[in-house]
Amino acid sequence: MAAAQNSGGAVSTRQWIALLGALLGAFMAVLDIQITNASLNDISGALGSSLDEGSWISTAYLVAEIIVIGATGWLARVFSIKRYLLFSAIGFTACSILCAFAKNLNMMIVARALQGLTGGALIPLALSLVLIILPKEKQPIGMALFAMTATFGPAIGPTLGGWLTDTYGWQWIFFINLVPGAILCTVIWMFLEPDRPQPELLAEGDYWGLLCMAVGLGSLEFVLEEGERKDWFGNPIIARFAVIAVVFIALFLIIEFRRQKPFVNLRIFRHINFTISCTVLCVLGLALYGTVYLVPLYLSQVQHYNATDIGLTLMWAGLPQLPILPLVPRLMKHVDIRIIIGTGLALFAASCFMNAYLDPDYAMEQFRLANIIRAVGQPLIFVPLLSISNIGIAKADAGSASALFNMTRNIGGSVGIALLSTLVTQREHLHSVRLGEMVTAYDPAVQARLAQMTSTLQGRGLDPATAAASALKALDNAVRTQSQLQAYGDAFFVIGVVLLLSGVGLFFLPKPDLKHSAPAHPA
């Protein structure tokens, strides 16, 4: 990108205001990934669509966002950071209004896709400005602030979305972007220093690479988001898009490795710090978005919570991060970064193991401690990862590094949600079959339980036949609930194991020297 890094120690008030404005934009973009999840029932009903069709409200945003994240570095060099950031901020705010006034599902999907195309750029641009505006010694502070957008946003999104929907209506999950959007546009216009655009890059653009990346990643995102709902490869549409994803991602890799000036420089994966950081970040994305997906689904399906109660439960996975995040940069000055990351992974994994043994009474109160531990662990992982990933990356490759770093997190989240959704479905079926084999009408204990329930229902005025049928149905519901509890527990256990396994990569990281290693910065 065409801005020079601040090599001195002083950061002016104008620069801090501009940086905070850009971070506000990144927070808004990340927040909007999850904010609709707690309200899909209300939105789908208002637009006259099924819940399955309404899932496109989230899918359209994610597909568009992951495509534009990869293109942001190049587009910012072509048009300049300030112009592109201002355009994205205005577009994101305008598209939020379109979403709120959508009259049917098609209009909503188009508006959400446009919102993703404009909002997706806000995330890597904010990270780029952290590296441009702040000198090396202050960058850990900026990275902690950026981490807040990446980890706090997904945790608080369902809480905010559920409360707004239940209190004011689903339209307000989009209207809420208007005030911060206006602040963002004003701040960027008034306080961000202009940088030189490079329109000459259009003549040598890697358009085939861009096309293959957009089609490949877009198709992959579609497969991951819609696969479980459409029976995966048993559905011809999913099978076709899977083939398209494989072909175009392969073409993208070939093009990028062969071009002298690639659209995204994949050669930076030769840096072991960057490769291991992206691997752990992918797992963090799986765990972060996976838990934010599983907890609301469990509370809605098993505990029958409404959107507000789900939000109040998830709130404890977000709020404790606020006092922790400012402390992480100070901790990094005194403790080996690898130990900090390992501690964060262990805490996050422990919180998942705490959720692996569910019972019918496991609800808001029981989730609180695990959510708090999870909230403490996430900043200990993300902030050090962000710092260590930049070590050794050349100035010219910083745009590619920023794009790949953010894409890795999003892909990890999408893969995680897809795999966990399938895991819950398959394990619920397996547990249901196994419990059904043990709970039979020929078992004396079952017969005694059914007789007791039938007698109780008859005492409430039901005739013998109706009481017997109701008792059998209640027993069937109990078996189904138990199979659901075990399935969700299995999913949390898998997340915990994957988090611990990702920590193995830390043993291959050389001891980082952040004091003498200049992190990459956008060129």
Protein backbone atom coordinates (compact mmCIF):
# COMPACT_ATOMS: atom_id res chain seq x y z
CA MET A 1 0.00 0.00 0.00
CA ALA A 2 1.16 3.42 -0.77
CA ALA A 3 1.63 4.73 2.72
CA ALA A 4 4.85 4.90 4.63
CA GLN A 5 5.16 3.34 8.04
CA ASN A 6 5.65 5.58 11.03
CA SER A 7 9.24 4.96 12.08
CA GLY A 8 9.27 7.45 14.98
CA GLY A 9 7.84 7.13 18.43
CA ALA A 10 5.28 9.93 18.34
CA VAL A 11 1.72 9.35 17.19
CA SER A 12 -0.39 12.46 16.82
CA THR A 13 -3.92 12.80 18.13
CA ARG A 14 -5.19 12.96 14.53
CA GLN A 15 -3.52 9.64 13.77
CA TRP A 16 -4.99 7.97 16.85
CA ILE A 17 -8.47 9.23 15.93
CA ALA A 18 -8.07 7.94 12.36
CA LEU A 19 -6.88 4.56 13.61
CA LEU A 20 -9.70 4.21 16.13
CA GLY A 21 -12.16 5.10 13.37
CA ALA A 22 -10.76 2.36 11.13
CA LEU A 23 -10.94 -0.15 14.02
CA LEU A 24 -14.58 0.85 14.57
CA GLY A 25 -15.21 -0.07 10.94
CA ALA A 26 -13.55 -3.47 11.37
CA PHE A 27 -15.64 -4.09 14.50
CA MET A 28 -18.84 -3.27 12.61
CA ALA A 29 -17.92 -5.64 9.77
CA VAL A 30 -17.08 -8.54 12.12
CA LEU A 31 -20.15 -7.86 14.26
CA ASP A 32 -22.42 -8.16 11.23
CA ILE A 33 -21.19 -11.70 10.56
CA GLN A 34 -22.94 -12.99 13.69
CA ILE A 35 -25.55 -10.35 14.51
CA THR A 36 -28.22 -11.90 12.25
CA ASN A 37 -27.81 -15.46 13.58
CA ALA A 38 -29.99 -14.98 16.67
CA SER A 39 -32.68 -13.29 14.54
CA LEU A 40 -32.93 -15.51 11.45
CA ASN A 41 -36.32 -16.88 12.54
CA ASP A 42 -37.79 -13.38 12.81
CA ILE A 43 -36.21 -12.12 9.57
CA SER A 44 -37.21 -15.20 7.57
CA GLY A 45 -40.78 -15.01 8.85
CA ALA A 46 -41.06 -11.30 8.04
CA LEU A 47 -39.75 -11.85 4.51
CA GLY A 48 -42.05 -14.81 3.87
CA SER A 49 -39.30 -17.43 3.53
CA SER A 50 -38.42 -20.67 5.28
CA LEU A 51 -35.58 -20.86 7.79
CA ASP A 52 -33.61 -22.94 5.28
CA GLU A 53 -33.98 -20.24 2.63
CA GLY A 54 -33.24 -17.57 5.25
CA SER A 55 -29.83 -19.10 5.86
CA TRP A 56 -28.77 -17.29 2.68
CA ILE A 57 -28.96 -14.05 4.65
CA SER A 58 -25.78 -15.10 6.46
CA THR A 59 -24.24 -17.05 3.58
CA ALA A 60 -24.43 -14.13 1.11
CA TYR A 61 -22.54 -11.86 3.51
CA LEU A 62 -19.82 -14.42 4.26
CA VAL A 63 -19.22 -15.35 0.60
CA ALA A 64 -18.90 -11.70 -0.44
CA GLU A 65 -16.72 -10.83 2.55
CA ILE A 66 -14.15 -13.57 2.04
CA ILE A 67 -13.79 -12.64 -1.63
CA VAL A 68 -13.18 -8.95 -0.99
CA ILE A 69 -10.75 -9.56 1.89
CA GLY A 70 -8.38 -11.20 -0.57
CA ALA A 71 -8.70 -8.31 -3.02
CA THR A 72 -8.39 -5.48 -0.50
CA GLY A 73 -4.60 -5.11 -0.50
CA TRP A 74 -4.43 -4.63 -4.26
CA LEU A 75 -7.50 -2.38 -4.44
CA ALA A 76 -6.10 -0.17 -1.67
CA ARG A 77 -2.87 0.28 -3.63
CA VAL A 78 -4.77 1.13 -6.80
CA PHE A 79 -7.23 3.64 -5.34
CA SER A 80 -5.34 4.61 -2.12
CA ILE A 81 -6.15 3.48 1.40
CA LYS A 82 -8.11 6.60 2.31
CA ARG A 83 -10.34 6.58 -0.79
CA TYR A 84 -11.01 2.86 -0.64
CA LEU A 85 -11.69 2.93 3.10
CA LEU A 86 -14.06 5.88 2.72
CA PHE A 87 -15.86 4.20 -0.19
CA SER A 88 -16.20 0.97 1.81
CA ALA A 89 -17.50 2.80 4.88
CA ILE A 90 -20.13 4.70 2.88
CA GLY A 91 -21.12 1.56 0.97
CA PHE A 92 -21.39 -0.55 4.12
CA THR A 93 -23.61 2.02 5.82
CA ALA A 94 -25.82 2.44 2.75
CA CYS A 95 -26.18 -1.33 2.32
CA SER A 96 -27.19 -1.64 5.99
CA ILE A 97 -30.12 0.68 5.22
CA LEU A 98 -31.02 -1.47 2.19
CA CYS A 99 -31.06 -4.57 4.42
CA ALA A 100 -33.39 -2.90 6.92
CA PHE A 101 -35.86 -1.94 4.17
CA ALA A 102 -35.74 -5.28 2.33
CA LYS A 103 -39.25 -6.38 1.33
CA ASN A 104 -38.46 -9.92 0.22
CA LEU A 105 -35.73 -12.53 0.52
CA ASN A 106 -34.11 -11.79 -2.85
CA MET A 107 -33.72 -8.11 -1.99
CA MET A 108 -32.25 -9.02 1.39
CA ILE A 109 -29.74 -11.46 -0.14
CA VAL A 110 -28.54 -8.87 -2.67
CA ALA A 111 -28.25 -6.20 0.04
CA ARG A 112 -26.34 -8.56 2.35
CA ALA A 113 -23.95 -9.52 -0.45
CA LEU A 114 -23.25 -5.85 -1.15
CA GLN A 115 -22.82 -5.27 2.56
CA GLY A 116 -20.25 -8.07 2.66
CA LEU A 117 -18.38 -6.69 -0.37
CA THR A 118 -18.03 -3.29 1.25
CA GLY A 119 -17.69 -4.39 4.88
CA GLY A 120 -15.12 -7.08 4.16
CA ALA A 121 -12.57 -4.45 3.14
CA LEU A 122 -12.86 -2.69 6.50
CA ILE A 123 -11.17 -5.60 8.32
CA PRO A 124 -7.78 -5.86 6.54
CA LEU A 125 -7.64 -2.07 6.03
CA ALA A 126 -7.85 -1.55 9.79
CA LEU A 127 -4.97 -3.98 10.34
CA SER A 128 -2.95 -2.22 7.64
CA LEU A 129 -3.44 1.14 9.34
CA VAL A 130 -2.26 -0.31 12.65
CA LEU A 131 1.02 -1.17 10.95
CA ILE A 132 1.24 2.12 9.02
CA ILE A 133 0.32 4.64 11.71
CA LEU A 134 1.92 3.11 14.79
CA PRO A 135 5.67 2.78 15.27
CA LYS A 136 7.04 -0.66 16.07
CA GLU A 137 7.05 -0.20 19.83
CA LYS A 138 3.36 0.83 19.89
CA GLN A 139 2.09 -1.80 17.44
CA PRO A 140 1.24 -4.38 20.15
CA ILE A 141 -1.28 -1.84 21.51
CA GLY A 142 -2.83 -1.46 18.06
CA MET A 143 -2.88 -5.22 17.59
CA ALA A 144 -4.69 -5.64 20.92
CA LEU A 145 -7.29 -3.15 19.72
CA PHE A 146 -7.61 -5.01 16.41
CA ALA A 147 -7.94 -8.29 18.32
CA MET A 148 -10.93 -6.79 20.10
CA THR A 149 -12.72 -6.46 16.76
CA ALA A 150 -11.82 -10.04 15.80
CA THR A 151 -12.74 -11.86 19.03
CA PHE A 152 -15.11 -9.55 20.91
CA GLY A 153 -17.29 -8.87 17.83
CA PRO A 154 -18.39 -12.48 17.21
CA ALA A 155 -19.03 -13.04 20.93
CA ILE A 156 -21.21 -9.95 21.40
CA GLY A 157 -22.99 -10.15 18.02
CA PRO A 158 -25.75 -12.62 19.01
CA THR A 159 -26.28 -10.77 22.31
CA LEU A 160 -26.81 -7.45 20.60
CA GLY A 161 -28.82 -8.94 17.75
CA GLY A 162 -31.13 -10.85 20.06
CA TRP A 163 -31.78 -7.85 22.29
CA LEU A 164 -32.47 -5.50 19.38
CA THR A 165 -34.80 -7.98 17.70
CA ASP A 166 -36.83 -8.71 20.82
CA THR A 167 -36.96 -5.06 21.90
CA TYR A 168 -37.28 -3.02 18.70
CA GLY A 169 -37.62 -5.46 15.78
CA TRP A 170 -35.12 -7.17 13.46
CA GLN A 171 -34.66 -4.06 11.28
CA TRP A 172 -32.66 -2.46 14.09
CA ILE A 173 -29.83 -4.96 13.77
CA PHE A 174 -29.11 -3.07 10.54
CA PHE A 175 -30.16 0.44 11.61
CA ILE A 176 -27.64 0.22 14.45
CA ASN A 177 -24.87 0.62 11.86
CA LEU A 178 -26.00 4.13 10.90
CA VAL A 179 -24.48 6.11 13.78
CA PRO A 180 -21.10 4.32 13.88
CA GLY A 181 -21.08 4.34 10.08
CA ALA A 182 -21.52 8.11 10.03
CA ILE A 183 -18.78 8.49 12.66
CA LEU A 184 -16.46 6.26 10.64
CA CYS A 185 -17.00 8.21 7.42
CA THR A 186 -16.46 11.55 9.19
CA VAL A 187 -13.30 10.39 10.96
CA ILE A 188 -11.72 8.92 7.83
CA TRP A 189 -12.57 12.02 5.78
CA MET A 190 -11.25 14.49 8.35
CA PHE A 191 -8.35 12.75 10.12
CA LEU A 192 -6.78 10.08 7.89
CA GLU A 193 -3.84 11.43 5.90
CA PRO A 194 -4.25 10.90 2.14
CA ASP A 195 -1.92 8.49 0.38
CA ARG A 196 -1.01 8.29 -3.28
CA PRO A 197 -3.15 6.05 -5.49
CA GLN A 198 -1.39 3.86 -8.04
CA PRO A 199 -3.77 3.50 -10.99
CA GLU A 200 -0.87 2.26 -13.11
CA LEU A 201 -1.25 -1.09 -11.31
CA LEU A 202 -4.45 -1.64 -13.29
CA ALA A 203 -2.36 -2.25 -16.41
CA GLU A 204 -0.48 -5.14 -14.79
CA GLY A 205 -3.26 -6.55 -12.65
CA ASP A 206 -3.43 -10.29 -12.00
CA TYR A 207 -7.05 -10.50 -13.14
CA TRP A 208 -7.06 -14.24 -13.82
CA GLY A 209 -5.77 -14.85 -10.31
CA LEU A 210 -8.41 -12.53 -8.88
CA LEU A 211 -11.16 -14.28 -10.86
CA CYS A 212 -10.04 -17.76 -9.83
CA MET A 213 -9.76 -16.72 -6.20
CA ALA A 214 -13.22 -15.15 -6.19
CA VAL A 215 -14.91 -18.12 -7.87
CA GLY A 216 -12.95 -20.73 -5.89
CA LEU A 217 -13.33 -19.20 -2.43
CA GLY A 218 -16.91 -18.12 -3.10
CA SER A 219 -17.84 -21.67 -4.15
CA LEU A 220 -16.02 -23.15 -1.16
CA GLU A 221 -17.85 -20.82 1.20
CA PHE A 222 -21.18 -21.79 -0.38
CA VAL A 223 -20.42 -25.51 0.01
CA LEU A 224 -19.43 -25.07 3.66
CA GLU A 225 -22.43 -22.90 4.55
CA GLU A 226 -25.11 -24.87 2.68
CA GLY A 227 -23.67 -28.41 2.71
CA GLU A 228 -25.24 -29.67 5.92
CA ARG A 229 -28.67 -28.25 5.08
CA LYS A 230 -28.59 -29.81 1.60
CA ASP A 231 -27.20 -33.28 2.45
CA TRP A 232 -23.67 -32.45 1.29
CA PHE A 233 -22.55 -34.30 -1.84
CA GLY A 234 -25.84 -36.13 -2.11
CA ASN A 235 -27.18 -32.85 -3.46
CA PRO A 236 -26.12 -32.20 -7.09
CA ILE A 237 -25.82 -28.42 -6.52
CA ILE A 238 -23.39 -28.90 -3.62
CA ALA A 239 -21.43 -31.48 -5.62
CA ARG A 240 -21.09 -29.11 -8.58
CA PHE A 241 -19.97 -26.19 -6.46
CA ALA A 242 -17.46 -28.44 -4.67
CA VAL A 243 -15.91 -29.36 -8.03
CA ILE A 244 -15.86 -25.69 -9.05
CA ALA A 245 -14.16 -24.78 -5.75
CA VAL A 246 -11.45 -27.44 -6.17
CA VAL A 247 -10.75 -26.53 -9.81
CA PHE A 248 -10.63 -22.77 -9.36
CA ILE A 249 -8.65 -22.83 -6.10
CA ALA A 250 -6.12 -25.11 -7.83
CA LEU A 251 -5.94 -22.68 -10.77
CA PHE A 252 -5.51 -19.79 -8.34
CA LEU A 253 -2.57 -21.53 -6.65
CA ILE A 254 -0.92 -22.31 -9.99
CA ILE A 255 -1.35 -18.75 -11.28
CA GLU A 256 -0.10 -17.10 -8.10
CA PHE A 257 3.01 -19.28 -7.86
CA ARG A 258 3.89 -18.77 -11.54
CA ARG A 259 3.33 -15.02 -11.85
CA GLN A 260 6.18 -12.63 -11.22
CA LYS A 261 3.78 -10.08 -9.67
CA PRO A 262 1.00 -12.21 -8.19
CA PHE A 263 -2.26 -10.83 -6.91
CA VAL A 264 -1.60 -12.53 -3.54
CA ASN A 265 1.97 -13.58 -2.84
CA LEU A 266 1.60 -17.10 -1.48
CA ARG A 267 5.37 -17.46 -1.22
CA ILE A 268 5.25 -15.76 2.17
CA PHE A 269 4.21 -19.12 3.58
CA ARG A 270 7.91 -19.98 3.43
CA HIS A 271 8.23 -17.99 6.67
CA ILE A 272 7.66 -20.51 9.45
CA ASN A 273 6.32 -17.84 11.84
CA PHE A 274 3.64 -16.83 9.37
CA THR A 275 2.70 -20.40 8.41
CA ILE A 276 2.36 -21.66 11.98
CA SER A 277 0.53 -18.48 13.04
CA CYS A 278 -2.01 -18.93 10.22
CA THR A 279 -2.45 -22.60 11.13
CA VAL A 280 -3.18 -21.80 14.77
CA LEU A 281 -5.38 -18.88 13.67
CA CYS A 282 -7.40 -21.22 11.44
CA VAL A 283 -8.04 -23.44 14.47
CA LEU A 284 -8.90 -20.37 16.55
CA GLY A 285 -11.43 -19.38 13.87
CA LEU A 286 -12.90 -22.89 14.03
CA ALA A 287 -13.16 -22.74 17.82
CA LEU A 288 -14.34 -19.13 18.06
CA TYR A 289 -17.06 -19.28 15.42
CA GLY A 290 -17.81 -22.90 16.29
CA THR A 291 -18.63 -22.19 19.93
CA VAL A 292 -20.62 -19.08 19.00
CA TYR A 293 -22.57 -21.37 16.64
CA LEU A 294 -23.05 -24.30 19.03
CA VAL A 295 -24.10 -22.48 22.19
CA PRO A 296 -27.09 -20.60 20.67
CA LEU A 297 -28.17 -23.73 18.76
CA TYR A 298 -28.05 -25.82 21.92
CA LEU A 299 -29.88 -23.25 24.02
CA SER A 300 -32.57 -22.83 21.36
CA GLN A 301 -33.04 -26.52 20.55
CA VAL A 302 -32.66 -28.12 23.98
CA GLN A 303 -33.41 -25.34 26.49
CA HIS A 304 -35.89 -23.42 24.26
CA TYR A 305 -34.29 -20.04 24.98
CA ASN A 306 -35.35 -16.92 23.11
CA ALA A 307 -32.91 -14.59 21.35
CA THR A 308 -32.44 -12.32 24.37
CA ASP A 309 -31.64 -15.18 26.78
CA ILE A 310 -29.19 -16.65 24.27
CA GLY A 311 -27.51 -13.27 24.00
CA LEU A 312 -27.27 -12.92 27.78
CA THR A 313 -25.58 -16.32 27.94
CA LEU A 314 -23.03 -15.50 25.24
CA MET A 315 -22.37 -12.09 26.75
CA TRP A 316 -19.92 -13.71 29.20
CA ALA A 317 -17.78 -14.91 26.29
CA GLY A 318 -17.30 -11.29 25.25
CA LEU A 319 -17.32 -8.81 28.12
CA PRO A 320 -14.40 -10.31 30.13
CA GLN A 321 -12.16 -9.75 27.09
CA LEU A 322 -12.32 -5.98 27.56
CA PRO A 323 -10.10 -5.77 30.68
CA ILE A 324 -7.82 -8.57 29.41
CA LEU A 325 -6.96 -7.15 25.96
CA PRO A 326 -5.05 -4.04 27.20
CA LEU A 327 -2.92 -6.22 29.47
CA VAL A 328 -1.71 -8.59 26.76
CA PRO A 329 0.82 -6.18 25.13
CA ARG A 330 2.41 -5.59 28.55
CA LEU A 331 2.52 -9.32 29.21
CA MET A 332 4.26 -9.87 25.87
CA LYS A 333 7.19 -7.72 27.05
CA HIS A 334 7.97 -10.07 29.93
CA VAL A 335 6.77 -13.55 28.93
CA ASP A 336 7.70 -15.71 25.93
CA ILE A 337 4.97 -15.27 23.32
CA ARG A 338 4.81 -19.02 22.74
CA ILE A 339 3.94 -19.55 26.41
CA ILE A 340 1.21 -16.90 26.22
CA ILE A 341 -0.34 -18.51 23.13
CA GLY A 342 -0.09 -21.97 24.68
CA THR A 343 -1.81 -20.73 27.85
CA GLY A 344 -4.59 -19.18 25.78
CA LEU A 345 -5.09 -22.43 23.83
CA ALA A 346 -5.18 -24.43 27.08
CA LEU A 347 -7.78 -22.10 28.62
CA PHE A 348 -9.96 -22.14 25.51
CA ALA A 349 -9.71 -25.95 25.33
CA ALA A 350 -10.52 -26.28 29.04
CA SER A 351 -13.67 -24.19 28.58
CA CYS A 352 -14.79 -26.54 25.79
CA PHE A 353 -14.12 -29.65 27.90
CA MET A 354 -16.27 -28.06 30.62
CA ASN A 355 -19.13 -27.98 28.09
CA ALA A 356 -18.52 -31.56 26.94
CA TYR A 357 -20.61 -33.14 29.70
CA LEU A 358 -24.08 -31.67 29.38
CA ASP A 359 -27.20 -32.59 31.30
CA PRO A 360 -30.84 -31.46 30.98
CA ASP A 361 -30.25 -28.64 33.49
CA TYR A 362 -27.14 -27.26 31.77
CA ALA A 363 -28.14 -23.75 30.69
CA MET A 364 -27.25 -20.08 31.22
CA GLU A 365 -25.76 -20.34 34.72
CA GLN A 366 -23.75 -23.45 33.88
CA PHE A 367 -22.28 -21.87 30.74
CA ARG A 368 -21.11 -18.73 32.54
CA LEU A 369 -17.83 -19.99 34.01
CA ALA A 370 -16.82 -21.74 30.78
CA ASN A 371 -17.61 -18.60 28.78
CA ILE A 372 -15.52 -16.45 31.12
CA ILE A 373 -12.54 -18.81 30.81
CA ARG A 374 -13.02 -18.81 27.03
CA ALA A 375 -13.07 -15.01 27.03
CA VAL A 376 -9.77 -14.88 28.95
CA GLY A 377 -8.09 -17.34 26.60
CA GLN A 378 -9.01 -15.75 23.26
CA PRO A 379 -6.97 -12.51 23.61
CA LEU A 380 -3.98 -14.53 24.84
CA ILE A 381 -4.05 -16.37 21.52
CA PHE A 382 -4.95 -13.71 18.98
CA VAL A 383 -2.80 -10.72 19.99
CA PRO A 384 0.51 -12.65 20.18
CA LEU A 385 -0.31 -14.53 16.97
CA LEU A 386 -0.86 -11.25 15.16
CA SER A 387 2.48 -9.91 16.41
CA ILE A 388 4.55 -12.99 15.67
CA SER A 389 3.05 -13.57 12.21
CA ASN A 390 4.53 -10.32 10.87
CA ILE A 391 8.13 -11.03 11.82
CA GLY A 392 10.32 -11.34 8.74
CA ILE A 393 7.63 -10.42 6.20
CA ALA A 394 8.93 -7.98 3.59
CA LYS A 395 7.32 -4.57 3.21
CA ALA A 396 6.09 -5.40 -0.29
CA ASP A 397 4.34 -8.56 0.93
CA ALA A 398 2.43 -6.97 3.82
CA GLY A 399 -0.79 -6.58 1.82
CA SER A 400 -0.76 -10.28 0.94
CA ALA A 401 0.07 -11.19 4.54
CA SER A 402 -2.82 -9.13 5.90
CA ALA A 403 -5.25 -10.67 3.38
CA LEU A 404 -4.11 -14.24 4.04
CA PHE A 405 -4.15 -13.75 7.82
CA ASN A 406 -7.76 -12.54 7.81
CA MET A 407 -8.90 -15.05 5.18
CA THR A 408 -7.42 -17.87 7.27
CA ARG A 409 -9.56 -16.93 10.26
CA ASN A 410 -12.74 -16.70 8.19
CA ILE A 411 -12.11 -19.97 6.36
CA GLY A 412 -11.36 -21.69 9.66
CA GLY A 413 -14.66 -20.40 11.03
CA SER A 414 -16.63 -21.57 8.00
CA VAL A 415 -14.98 -24.99 7.98
CA GLY A 416 -15.56 -25.28 11.71
CA ILE A 417 -19.26 -24.45 11.56
CA ALA A 418 -19.78 -26.85 8.65
CA LEU A 419 -17.94 -29.73 10.34
CA LEU A 420 -19.54 -29.15 13.75
CA SER A 421 -23.01 -28.93 12.23
CA THR A 422 -22.47 -32.27 10.50
CA LEU A 423 -20.90 -33.77 13.63
CA VAL A 424 -23.87 -32.81 15.81
CA THR A 425 -26.34 -34.27 13.31
CA GLN A 426 -24.43 -37.53 12.86
CA ARG A 427 -23.65 -38.01 16.55
CA GLU A 428 -27.24 -37.26 17.56
CA HIS A 429 -28.41 -40.00 15.21
CA LEU A 430 -25.79 -42.41 16.55
CA HIS A 431 -26.65 -41.72 20.21
CA SER A 432 -30.35 -41.95 19.45
CA VAL A 433 -29.90 -45.41 17.92
CA ARG A 434 -27.75 -46.62 20.81
CA LEU A 435 -30.13 -45.28 23.47
CA GLY A 436 -33.05 -46.77 21.54
CA GLU A 437 -31.40 -50.18 21.71
CA MET A 438 -31.10 -49.91 25.49
CA VAL A 439 -34.49 -48.31 26.21
CA THR A 440 -36.96 -50.94 24.97
CA ALA A 441 -40.45 -51.93 26.00
CA TYR A 442 -39.07 -55.34 27.06
CA ASP A 443 -36.81 -53.86 29.72
CA PRO A 444 -38.41 -54.25 33.19
CA ALA A 445 -37.05 -50.86 34.30
CA VAL A 446 -38.58 -49.19 31.25
CA GLN A 447 -41.89 -50.96 31.81
CA ALA A 448 -41.93 -49.82 35.42
CA ARG A 449 -41.14 -46.24 34.38
CA LEU A 450 -43.89 -46.21 31.74
CA ALA A 451 -46.38 -47.67 34.24
CA GLN A 452 -45.49 -44.96 36.77
CA MET A 453 -45.85 -42.18 34.19
CA THR A 454 -49.13 -43.62 32.92
CA SER A 455 -50.52 -43.82 36.45
CA THR A 456 -49.49 -40.21 37.11
CA LEU A 457 -51.18 -38.99 33.93
CA GLN A 458 -54.34 -40.95 34.71
CA GLY A 459 -54.40 -39.26 38.09
CA ARG A 460 -54.52 -35.94 36.19
CA GLY A 461 -57.71 -37.00 34.42
CA LEU A 462 -56.49 -38.71 31.22
CA ASP A 463 -58.10 -41.97 30.10
CA PRO A 464 -55.85 -45.09 30.16
CA ALA A 465 -55.16 -45.17 26.39
CA THR A 466 -54.28 -41.47 26.16
CA ALA A 467 -52.18 -41.66 29.34
CA ALA A 468 -50.22 -44.65 27.96
CA ALA A 469 -49.59 -42.89 24.64
CA SER A 470 -48.51 -39.68 26.40
CA ALA A 471 -46.13 -41.61 28.67
CA LEU A 472 -44.55 -43.31 25.65
CA LYS A 473 -44.17 -39.96 23.89
CA ALA A 474 -42.57 -38.39 26.98
CA LEU A 475 -40.08 -41.26 27.16
CA ASP A 476 -39.28 -40.80 23.46
CA ASN A 477 -38.69 -37.07 24.04
CA ALA A 478 -36.38 -37.88 26.94
CA VAL A 479 -34.33 -40.21 24.72
CA ARG A 480 -34.17 -37.57 22.00
CA THR A 481 -33.08 -34.89 24.48
CA GLN A 482 -30.38 -37.16 25.89
CA SER A 483 -29.06 -37.92 22.40
CA GLN A 484 -28.91 -34.18 21.68
CA LEU A 485 -27.03 -33.53 24.93
CA GLN A 486 -24.46 -36.17 24.09
CA ALA A 487 -24.09 -34.91 20.49
CA TYR A 488 -23.43 -31.31 21.56
CA GLY A 489 -21.05 -32.57 24.23
CA ASP A 490 -19.12 -34.49 21.58
CA ALA A 491 -18.84 -31.34 19.45
CA PHE A 492 -17.42 -29.28 22.33
CA PHE A 493 -14.99 -32.10 23.14
CA VAL A 494 -13.74 -32.16 19.53
CA ILE A 495 -13.12 -28.39 19.61
CA GLY A 496 -11.08 -28.80 22.80
CA VAL A 497 -8.96 -31.58 21.30
CA VAL A 498 -8.30 -29.63 18.09
CA LEU A 499 -7.23 -26.57 20.10
CA LEU A 500 -4.74 -28.63 22.09
CA LEU A 501 -3.38 -30.29 18.93
CA SER A 502 -2.81 -26.89 17.32
CA GLY A 503 -0.52 -26.05 20.21
CA VAL A 504 1.98 -28.64 18.92
CA GLY A 505 2.97 -26.13 16.24
CA LEU A 506 4.26 -23.77 18.92
CA PHE A 507 7.18 -26.13 19.56
CA PHE A 508 8.40 -25.48 16.01
CA LEU A 509 8.38 -21.70 16.40
CA PRO A 510 11.76 -20.09 16.95
CA LYS A 511 11.90 -17.85 19.99
CA PRO A 512 10.64 -14.50 18.71
CA ASP A 513 12.58 -11.30 19.29
CA LEU A 514 9.97 -8.59 18.89
CA LYS A 515 12.36 -5.90 20.06
CA HIS A 516 14.71 -6.31 17.14
CA SER A 517 12.45 -7.78 14.47
CA ALA A 518 10.62 -5.19 12.44
CA PRO A 519 7.14 -6.38 11.60
CA ALA A 520 5.86 -6.00 8.10
CA HIS A 521 3.96 -2.94 7.09
CA PRO A 522 1.84 -2.17 4.07
CA ALA A 523 3.69 -0.87 1.08
